[in-house]
Amino acid sequence: MFGRLRTSFSRFRHSMRVEAAPGRGNQTHNLFESAAAHVTACAEDDQEPMDEASTWVSPEALSFGVSEPACRAVIALAREHDESPRTVARTLLGLPVA
């Protein structure tokens, strides 16, 4: 049982990393580095870095990673404006407050 768990975790961990791009040395990128680069490039509307960051990890991992900074940003804004996270999220998305 522990062997299967270890194997599954190892596969998951491996899916969160990608081999270094040619010419970049030994550097590898983890899930959250990729998500941070992708979110930053998206906020700056810069397609080239967005595309590069999306190659660092699998699309599924990137999707998971991008949701983490989004959640943290909504929570921080909600605290800053003394509102609920739901209200802030709906406002950011241009939806009427429910």
Protein backbone atom coordinates (compact mmCIF):
# COMPACT_ATOMS: atom_id res chain seq x y z
CA MET A 1 0.00 0.00 0.00
CA PHE A 2 2.78 2.46 0.92
CA GLY A 3 4.62 1.54 -2.25
CA ARG A 4 1.63 2.53 -4.37
CA LEU A 5 1.23 5.75 -2.42
CA ARG A 6 4.92 6.56 -2.87
CA THR A 7 4.69 5.81 -6.61
CA SER A 8 1.59 7.97 -7.02
CA PHE A 9 3.15 10.84 -5.10
CA SER A 10 6.33 10.54 -7.16
CA ARG A 11 4.35 10.72 -10.40
CA PHE A 12 2.39 13.72 -9.12
CA ARG A 13 5.58 15.48 -8.03
CA HIS A 14 7.18 14.76 -11.41
CA SER A 15 4.14 16.21 -13.22
CA MET A 16 4.66 19.45 -11.29
CA ARG A 17 8.19 19.89 -12.72
CA VAL A 18 9.52 20.02 -16.22
CA GLU A 19 13.02 19.53 -17.49
CA ALA A 20 15.00 22.67 -18.10
CA ALA A 21 14.61 24.27 -21.49
CA PRO A 22 17.64 23.95 -23.77
CA GLY A 23 20.16 26.69 -23.15
CA ARG A 24 18.86 27.47 -19.67
CA GLY A 25 21.30 25.35 -17.66
CA ASN A 26 20.01 23.05 -14.92
CA GLN A 27 17.09 25.26 -13.93
CA THR A 28 13.68 23.66 -13.51
CA HIS A 29 10.47 25.43 -12.65
CA ASN A 30 7.92 24.34 -10.13
CA LEU A 31 4.17 24.75 -10.25
CA PHE A 32 3.97 28.01 -8.34
CA GLU A 33 6.85 29.66 -10.24
CA SER A 34 5.05 28.86 -13.46
CA ALA A 35 1.72 30.11 -12.11
CA ALA A 36 3.26 33.36 -10.85
CA ALA A 37 4.95 34.00 -14.20
CA HIS A 38 1.77 33.15 -16.09
CA VAL A 39 -0.46 35.37 -13.93
CA THR A 40 2.02 38.26 -14.13
CA ALA A 41 2.24 37.99 -17.91
CA CYS A 42 -1.54 37.80 -18.15
CA ALA A 43 -1.95 40.91 -15.98
CA GLU A 44 0.58 42.74 -18.19
CA ASP A 45 -1.11 41.37 -21.35
CA ASP A 46 2.20 39.97 -22.58
CA GLN A 47 1.61 36.82 -24.62
CA GLU A 48 5.23 35.66 -25.06
CA PRO A 49 6.04 35.18 -21.33
CA MET A 50 2.58 33.69 -20.84
CA ASP A 51 3.29 31.07 -23.50
CA GLU A 52 6.74 30.36 -22.06
CA ALA A 53 5.42 29.90 -18.52
CA SER A 54 2.74 27.54 -19.79
CA THR A 55 5.45 25.18 -21.09
CA TRP A 56 7.13 24.83 -17.69
CA VAL A 57 4.49 22.50 -16.21
CA SER A 58 1.58 20.45 -17.47
CA PRO A 59 -1.62 22.33 -18.39
CA GLU A 60 -3.48 20.66 -15.52
CA ALA A 61 -0.84 21.69 -13.01
CA LEU A 62 -0.79 25.24 -14.36
CA SER A 63 -4.56 25.49 -14.04
CA PHE A 64 -4.32 24.36 -10.43
CA GLY A 65 -1.43 26.71 -9.75
CA VAL A 66 -3.16 29.75 -11.25
CA SER A 67 -6.18 29.22 -9.03
CA GLU A 68 -4.02 29.56 -5.91
CA PRO A 69 -2.85 33.16 -6.53
CA ALA A 70 -6.38 34.03 -7.66
CA CYS A 71 -7.81 32.79 -4.35
CA ARG A 72 -5.15 34.60 -2.36
CA ALA A 73 -5.74 37.83 -4.28
CA VAL A 74 -9.49 37.71 -3.70
CA ILE A 75 -8.98 37.07 0.01
CA ALA A 76 -6.47 39.93 0.28
CA LEU A 77 -8.79 42.33 -1.54
CA ALA A 78 -11.75 41.25 0.58
CA ARG A 79 -9.80 41.97 3.76
CA GLU A 80 -8.53 45.27 2.41
CA HIS A 81 -12.03 46.44 1.45
CA ASP A 82 -13.77 44.81 4.44
CA GLU A 83 -16.06 42.82 2.15
CA SER A 84 -16.77 39.16 1.62
CA PRO A 85 -14.65 37.20 -0.86
CA ARG A 86 -17.83 36.41 -2.82
CA THR A 87 -18.61 40.12 -3.24
CA VAL A 88 -15.05 40.90 -4.32
CA ALA A 89 -14.91 37.99 -6.79
CA ARG A 90 -18.24 38.94 -8.36
CA THR A 91 -17.14 42.59 -8.62
CA LEU A 92 -13.84 41.60 -10.28
CA LEU A 93 -15.72 39.52 -12.81
CA GLY A 94 -18.26 42.28 -13.49
CA LEU A 95 -21.17 40.31 -12.07
CA PRO A 96 -23.95 41.84 -9.99
CA VAL A 97 -23.50 41.35 -6.26
CA ALA A 98 -25.83 38.55 -5.16
